[in-house]
C-alpha atoms as a PDB file:
ATOM      1  CA  UNK A   1     -11.055 -84.769 -22.054  1.00  0.00           C
ATOM      2  CA  UNK A   2     -14.511 -83.419 -24.035  1.00  0.00           C
ATOM      3  CA  UNK A   3     -14.887 -79.512 -25.126  1.00  0.00           C
ATOM      4  CA  UNK A   4     -18.859 -78.917 -24.444  1.00  0.00           C
ATOM      5  CA  UNK A   5     -19.768 -75.654 -25.224  1.00  0.00           C
ATOM      6  CA  UNK A   6     -17.401 -72.058 -25.320  1.00  0.00           C
ATOM      7  CA  UNK A   7     -16.951 -72.615 -28.675  1.00  0.00           C
ATOM      8  CA  UNK A   8     -16.658 -68.883 -29.163  1.00  0.00           C
ATOM      9  CA  UNK A   9     -18.623 -66.162 -28.439  1.00  0.00           C
ATOM     10  CA  UNK A  10     -19.000 -65.593 -32.145  1.00  0.00           C
ATOM     11  CA  UNK A  11     -21.588 -69.082 -32.604  1.00  0.00           C
ATOM     12  CA  UNK A  12     -21.470 -71.009 -29.239  1.00  0.00           C
ATOM     13  CA  UNK A  13     -21.150 -69.688 -25.830  1.00  0.00           C
ATOM     14  CA  UNK A  14     -24.224 -70.458 -24.172  1.00  0.00           C
ATOM     15  CA  UNK A  15     -25.110 -69.103 -21.079  1.00  0.00           C
ATOM     16  CA  UNK A  16     -22.140 -66.605 -20.833  1.00  0.00           C
ATOM     17  CA  UNK A  17     -22.716 -63.085 -20.073  1.00  0.00           C
ATOM     18  CA  UNK A  18     -21.791 -61.921 -23.607  1.00  0.00           C
ATOM     19  CA  UNK A  19     -25.058 -64.340 -24.769  1.00  0.00           C
ATOM     20  CA  UNK A  20     -27.124 -63.739 -22.372  1.00  0.00           C
ATOM     21  CA  UNK A  21     -26.350 -59.689 -23.561  1.00  0.00           C
ATOM     22  CA  UNK A  22     -26.786 -60.134 -27.125  1.00  0.00           C
ATOM     23  CA  UNK A  23     -29.838 -61.977 -26.946  1.00  0.00           C
ATOM     24  CA  UNK A  24     -31.276 -59.091 -24.819  1.00  0.00           C
ATOM     25  CA  UNK A  25     -30.119 -56.461 -27.461  1.00  0.00           C
ATOM     26  CA  UNK A  26     -31.979 -58.744 -30.049  1.00  0.00           C
ATOM     27  CA  UNK A  27     -35.149 -59.012 -27.942  1.00  0.00           C
ATOM     28  CA  UNK A  28     -34.595 -54.709 -27.975  1.00  0.00           C
ATOM     29  CA  UNK A  29     -34.426 -54.211 -32.065  1.00  0.00           C
ATOM     30  CA  UNK A  30     -37.723 -56.810 -32.007  1.00  0.00           C
ATOM     31  CA  UNK A  31     -39.435 -54.808 -29.399  1.00  0.00           C
ATOM     32  CA  UNK A  32     -37.878 -51.583 -30.861  1.00  0.00           C
ATOM     33  CA  UNK A  33     -39.480 -52.451 -34.594  1.00  0.00           C
ATOM     34  CA  UNK A  34     -42.549 -53.936 -33.360  1.00  0.00           C
ATOM     35  CA  UNK A  35     -41.780 -57.812 -33.997  1.00  0.00           C
ATOM     36  CA  UNK A  36     -42.430 -58.201 -29.601  1.00  0.00           C
ATOM     37  CA  UNK A  37     -44.207 -56.260 -27.464  1.00  0.00           C
ATOM     38  CA  UNK A  38     -42.354 -53.745 -25.377  1.00  0.00           C
ATOM     39  CA  UNK A  39     -41.815 -54.233 -21.536  1.00  0.00           C
ATOM     40  CA  UNK A  40     -39.314 -53.477 -19.127  1.00  0.00           C
ATOM     41  CA  UNK A  41     -36.306 -54.523 -21.031  1.00  0.00           C
ATOM     42  CA  UNK A  42     -36.750 -52.092 -23.220  1.00  0.00           C
ATOM     43  CA  UNK A  43     -36.779 -49.655 -20.819  1.00  0.00           C
ATOM     44  CA  UNK A  44     -33.279 -50.448 -18.732  1.00  0.00           C
ATOM     45  CA  UNK A  45     -31.840 -50.646 -21.842  1.00  0.00           C
ATOM     46  CA  UNK A  46     -32.782 -47.077 -23.364  1.00  0.00           C
ATOM     47  CA  UNK A  47     -31.943 -45.679 -19.827  1.00  0.00           C
ATOM     48  CA  UNK A  48     -28.579 -47.580 -18.935  1.00  0.00           C
ATOM     49  CA  UNK A  49     -27.411 -47.268 -22.712  1.00  0.00           C
ATOM     50  CA  UNK A  50     -28.679 -43.354 -22.184  1.00  0.00           C
ATOM     51  CA  UNK A  51     -30.273 -43.596 -25.747  1.00  0.00           C
ATOM     52  CA  UNK A  52     -32.245 -40.447 -26.748  1.00  0.00           C
ATOM     53  CA  UNK A  53     -33.244 -42.664 -29.842  1.00  0.00           C
ATOM     54  CA  UNK A  54     -33.669 -46.473 -30.535  1.00  0.00           C
ATOM     55  CA  UNK A  55     -31.511 -46.112 -33.034  1.00  0.00           C
ATOM     56  CA  UNK A  56     -28.582 -45.024 -30.984  1.00  0.00           C
ATOM     57  CA  UNK A  57     -28.131 -48.169 -30.078  1.00  0.00           C
ATOM     58  CA  UNK A  58     -26.636 -50.108 -33.396  1.00  0.00           C
ATOM     59  CA  UNK A  59     -24.300 -46.652 -32.529  1.00  0.00           C
ATOM     60  CA  UNK A  60     -23.217 -47.846 -29.177  1.00  0.00           C
ATOM     61  CA  UNK A  61     -22.848 -51.354 -29.923  1.00  0.00           C
ATOM     62  CA  UNK A  62     -20.896 -51.174 -33.652  1.00  0.00           C
ATOM     63  CA  UNK A  63     -18.842 -47.319 -33.261  1.00  0.00           C
ATOM     64  CA  UNK A  64     -18.594 -46.782 -29.708  1.00  0.00           C
ATOM     65  CA  UNK A  65     -18.153 -50.339 -27.982  1.00  0.00           C
ATOM     66  CA  UNK A  66     -16.813 -51.430 -31.835  1.00  0.00           C
ATOM     67  CA  UNK A  67     -18.407 -55.115 -31.077  1.00  0.00           C
ATOM     68  CA  UNK A  68     -16.185 -55.945 -27.744  1.00  0.00           C
ATOM     69  CA  UNK A  69     -17.497 -59.154 -26.152  1.00  0.00           C
ATOM     70  CA  UNK A  70     -16.744 -57.216 -22.664  1.00  0.00           C
ATOM     71  CA  UNK A  71     -18.742 -54.354 -23.514  1.00  0.00           C
ATOM     72  CA  UNK A  72     -21.904 -56.164 -24.895  1.00  0.00           C
ATOM     73  CA  UNK A  73     -21.667 -58.573 -21.701  1.00  0.00           C
ATOM     74  CA  UNK A  74     -21.591 -55.679 -19.234  1.00  0.00           C
ATOM     75  CA  UNK A  75     -25.483 -55.538 -20.077  1.00  0.00           C
ATOM     76  CA  UNK A  76     -26.189 -58.716 -18.869  1.00  0.00           C
ATOM     77  CA  UNK A  77     -26.367 -57.582 -15.070  1.00  0.00           C
ATOM     78  CA  UNK A  78     -29.837 -55.466 -16.693  1.00  0.00           C
ATOM     79  CA  UNK A  79     -31.145 -59.185 -17.424  1.00  0.00           C
ATOM     80  CA  UNK A  80     -29.992 -61.236 -14.705  1.00  0.00           C
ATOM     81  CA  UNK A  81     -30.871 -59.167 -12.126  1.00  0.00           C
ATOM     82  CA  UNK A  82     -34.301 -58.686 -10.465  1.00  0.00           C
ATOM     83  CA  UNK A  83     -36.569 -57.261 -13.303  1.00  0.00           C
ATOM     84  CA  UNK A  84     -39.433 -55.229 -12.918  1.00  0.00           C
ATOM     85  CA  UNK A  85     -43.359 -57.230 -13.138  1.00  0.00           C
ATOM     86  CA  UNK A  86     -44.123 -57.887 -16.199  1.00  0.00           C
ATOM     87  CA  UNK A  87     -40.480 -58.367 -17.571  1.00  0.00           C
ATOM     88  CA  UNK A  88     -41.278 -61.578 -19.547  1.00  0.00           C
ATOM     89  CA  UNK A  89     -38.450 -61.447 -22.224  1.00  0.00           C
ATOM     90  CA  UNK A  90     -35.881 -60.825 -19.523  1.00  0.00           C
ATOM     91  CA  UNK A  91     -37.033 -63.724 -18.157  1.00  0.00           C
ATOM     92  CA  UNK A  92     -37.586 -65.915 -20.757  1.00  0.00           C
ATOM     93  CA  UNK A  93     -33.138 -64.764 -21.907  1.00  0.00           C
ATOM     94  CA  UNK A  94     -32.562 -65.877 -18.498  1.00  0.00           C
ATOM     95  CA  UNK A  95     -34.249 -69.451 -18.109  1.00  0.00           C
ATOM     96  CA  UNK A  96     -32.710 -70.310 -21.631  1.00  0.00           C
ATOM     97  CA  UNK A  97     -29.443 -69.266 -20.699  1.00  0.00           C
ATOM     98  CA  UNK A  98     -29.861 -71.858 -17.242  1.00  0.00           C
ATOM     99  CA  UNK A  99     -31.559 -74.429 -19.199  1.00  0.00           C
ATOM    100  CA  UNK A 100     -28.201 -73.973 -21.425  1.00  0.00           C
ATOM    101  CA  UNK A 101     -25.565 -74.575 -18.648  1.00  0.00           C
ATOM    102  CA  UNK A 102     -27.362 -77.340 -17.336  1.00  0.00           C
ATOM    103  CA  UNK A 103     -27.205 -78.727 -20.945  1.00  0.00           C
ATOM    104  CA  UNK A 104     -23.704 -78.140 -21.025  1.00  0.00           C
ATOM    105  CA  UNK A 105     -23.342 -80.090 -17.999  1.00  0.00           C
ATOM    106  CA  UNK A 106     -25.581 -83.105 -18.891  1.00  0.00           C
ATOM    107  CA  UNK A 107     -23.581 -83.123 -22.578  1.00  0.00           C
ATOM    108  CA  UNK A 108     -20.783 -83.472 -20.886  1.00  0.00           C
ATOM    109  CA  UNK A 109     -22.029 -86.322 -18.441  1.00  0.00           C
ATOM    110  CA  UNK A 110     -22.523 -88.173 -21.346  1.00  0.00           C
ATOM    111  CA  UNK A 111     -19.847 -87.982 -23.226  1.00  0.00           C
ATOM    112  CA  UNK A 112     -17.849 -89.300 -20.160  1.00  0.00           C
ATOM    113  CA  UNK A 113     -19.967 -92.577 -20.084  1.00  0.00           C
ATOM    114  CA  UNK A 114     -21.666 -91.475 -16.686  1.00  0.00           C
ATOM    115  CA  UNK A 115     -25.283 -92.855 -16.271  1.00  0.00           C
ATOM    116  CA  UNK A 116     -28.673 -91.275 -15.155  1.00  0.00           C
ATOM    117  CA  UNK A 117     -27.877 -93.094 -12.026  1.00  0.00           C
ATOM    118  CA  UNK A 118     -24.254 -92.124 -11.289  1.00  0.00           C
ATOM    119  CA  UNK A 119     -23.716 -88.800  -8.924  1.00  0.00           C
ATOM    120  CA  UNK A 120     -21.768 -86.527 -11.028  1.00  0.00           C
ATOM    121  CA  UNK A 121     -20.676 -83.108  -8.713  1.00  0.00           C
ATOM    122  CA  UNK A 122     -20.397 -80.166 -10.665  1.00  0.00           C
ATOM    123  CA  UNK A 123     -18.466 -77.019 -10.172  1.00  0.00           C
ATOM    124  CA  UNK A 124     -19.182 -73.985 -11.732  1.00  0.00           C
ATOM    125  CA  UNK A 125     -17.250 -70.218 -12.609  1.00  0.00           C
ATOM    126  CA  UNK A 126     -17.823 -67.284 -14.423  1.00  0.00           C
ATOM    127  CA  UNK A 127     -19.360 -63.795 -13.643  1.00  0.00           C
ATOM    128  CA  UNK A 128     -22.671 -64.876 -14.888  1.00  0.00           C
ATOM    129  CA  UNK A 129     -22.812 -67.448 -11.674  1.00  0.00           C
ATOM    130  CA  UNK A 130     -22.589 -64.141  -9.134  1.00  0.00           C
ATOM    131  CA  UNK A 131     -26.441 -63.494 -10.147  1.00  0.00           C
ATOM    132  CA  UNK A 132     -28.706 -65.783  -7.727  1.00  0.00           C
ATOM    133  CA  UNK A 133     -30.889 -65.880 -10.125  1.00  0.00           C
ATOM    134  CA  UNK A 134     -28.503 -67.704 -12.359  1.00  0.00           C
ATOM    135  CA  UNK A 135     -27.544 -70.044  -9.833  1.00  0.00           C
ATOM    136  CA  UNK A 136     -31.130 -70.798  -8.895  1.00  0.00           C
ATOM    137  CA  UNK A 137     -32.135 -71.491 -12.246  1.00  0.00           C
ATOM    138  CA  UNK A 138     -28.778 -73.684 -13.268  1.00  0.00           C
ATOM    139  CA  UNK A 139     -28.895 -75.629  -9.714  1.00  0.00           C
ATOM    140  CA  UNK A 140     -32.615 -76.305 -10.456  1.00  0.00           C
ATOM    141  CA  UNK A 141     -32.314 -77.523 -14.473  1.00  0.00           C
ATOM    142  CA  UNK A 142     -29.483 -79.356 -12.800  1.00  0.00           C
ATOM    143  CA  UNK A 143     -32.096 -80.919 -10.471  1.00  0.00           C
ATOM    144  CA  UNK A 144     -34.086 -82.214 -13.991  1.00  0.00           C
ATOM    145  CA  UNK A 145     -30.748 -83.797 -14.885  1.00  0.00           C
ATOM    146  CA  UNK A 146     -30.780 -87.354 -13.147  1.00  0.00           C
ATOM    147  CA  UNK A 147     -27.624 -87.873 -11.250  1.00  0.00           C
ATOM    148  CA  UNK A 148     -26.022 -84.068 -10.996  1.00  0.00           C
ATOM    149  CA  UNK A 149     -25.552 -81.958  -8.398  1.00  0.00           C
ATOM    150  CA  UNK A 150     -24.051 -78.447  -8.276  1.00  0.00           C
ATOM    151  CA  UNK A 151     -21.328 -77.519  -5.420  1.00  0.00           C
ATOM    152  CA  UNK A 152     -19.131 -74.265  -5.606  1.00  0.00           C
ATOM    153  CA  UNK A 153     -14.905 -74.924  -6.723  1.00  0.00           C
ATOM    154  CA  UNK A 154     -13.520 -72.319  -8.521  1.00  0.00           C
ATOM    155  CA  UNK A 155     -11.668 -72.646 -11.378  1.00  0.00           C
ATOM    156  CA  UNK A 156     -13.403 -74.234 -14.902  1.00  0.00           C
ATOM    157  CA  UNK A 157     -16.370 -76.119 -14.744  1.00  0.00           C
ATOM    158  CA  UNK A 158     -15.938 -79.311 -14.101  1.00  0.00           C
ATOM    159  CA  UNK A 159     -17.266 -82.973 -13.545  1.00  0.00           C
ATOM    160  CA  UNK A 160     -17.189 -85.899 -11.861  1.00  0.00           C
ATOM    161  CA  UNK A 161     -13.582 -85.396 -11.469  1.00  0.00           C
ATOM    162  CA  UNK A 162     -13.125 -87.970  -8.306  1.00  0.00           C
ATOM    163  CA  UNK A 163     -15.554 -90.694 -10.503  1.00  0.00           C
ATOM    164  CA  UNK A 164     -13.466 -90.016 -13.421  1.00  0.00           C
ATOM    165  CA  UNK A 165     -10.277 -90.210 -11.626  1.00  0.00           C
ATOM    166  CA  UNK A 166     -11.006 -93.853 -10.491  1.00  0.00           C
ATOM    167  CA  UNK A 167     -12.392 -94.807 -13.334  1.00  0.00           C
ATOM    168  CA  UNK A 168      -9.036 -93.651 -15.438  1.00  0.00           C
ATOM    169  CA  UNK A 169      -7.302 -95.389 -12.567  1.00  0.00           C
ATOM    170  CA  UNK A 170      -6.251 -92.000 -11.193  1.00  0.00           C
ATOM    171  CA  UNK A 171      -6.740 -90.089  -7.728  1.00  0.00           C
ATOM    172  CA  UNK A 172      -4.892 -86.993  -8.922  1.00  0.00           C
ATOM    173  CA  UNK A 173      -5.317 -83.647 -10.914  1.00  0.00           C
ATOM    174  CA  UNK A 174      -2.644 -84.259 -13.582  1.00  0.00           C
ATOM    175  CA  UNK A 175      -3.043 -83.850 -17.070  1.00  0.00           C
ATOM    176  CA  UNK A 176      -5.376 -86.547 -19.010  1.00  0.00           C
ATOM    177  CA  UNK A 177      -6.803 -87.581 -15.475  1.00  0.00           C
ATOM    178  CA  UNK A 178     -10.138 -86.573 -14.780  1.00  0.00           C
ATOM    179  CA  UNK A 179     -12.193 -84.523 -16.972  1.00  0.00           C
ATOM    180  CA  UNK A 180     -12.669 -80.958 -17.124  1.00  0.00           C
ATOM    181  CA  UNK A 181     -15.046 -79.010 -19.536  1.00  0.00           C
ATOM    182  CA  UNK A 182     -13.981 -75.579 -20.096  1.00  0.00           C
ATOM    183  CA  UNK A 183     -16.783 -73.001 -20.676  1.00  0.00           C
ATOM    184  CA  UNK A 184     -15.488 -69.231 -21.454  1.00  0.00           C
ATOM    185  CA  UNK A 185     -17.408 -67.034 -19.912  1.00  0.00           C
END
């Protein structure tokens, strides 16, 4: 068994709803203090959070929500759903998340010893995959990783289950057979 990603939302949860929303809040702070030009994401966050002042975002995230991951992750739809024209920052976050999710799969493939010529089936789960845009971006990046193909299967993200079972003399899903890479979302 190998682990790729999902080490914790504190330092490695690339592509998760929390990770996407935390980046949106970071972008919001940079737009608010002038380090980035303001685009529609800033207005979406202000409206959604009902902010009367940009500084209230600190109170909402730290005091009202107490930094709880699920509360922060609830902002993700503002980033991953179709955004207004000119929302370059939300689109950049979305692209980065999809790329990171595909890199998790590619890293798992490499750690298990599959070559780029091996066909590896990939399943996915998690709330972010309810977004058509995330799913399209993820599968697009997977196409760039030779030998990977996504298909919807319930359960945690698993790559190469059939191939791994054959490689290690299996054919069952018993513990220790095949491969599962857990990605908490």
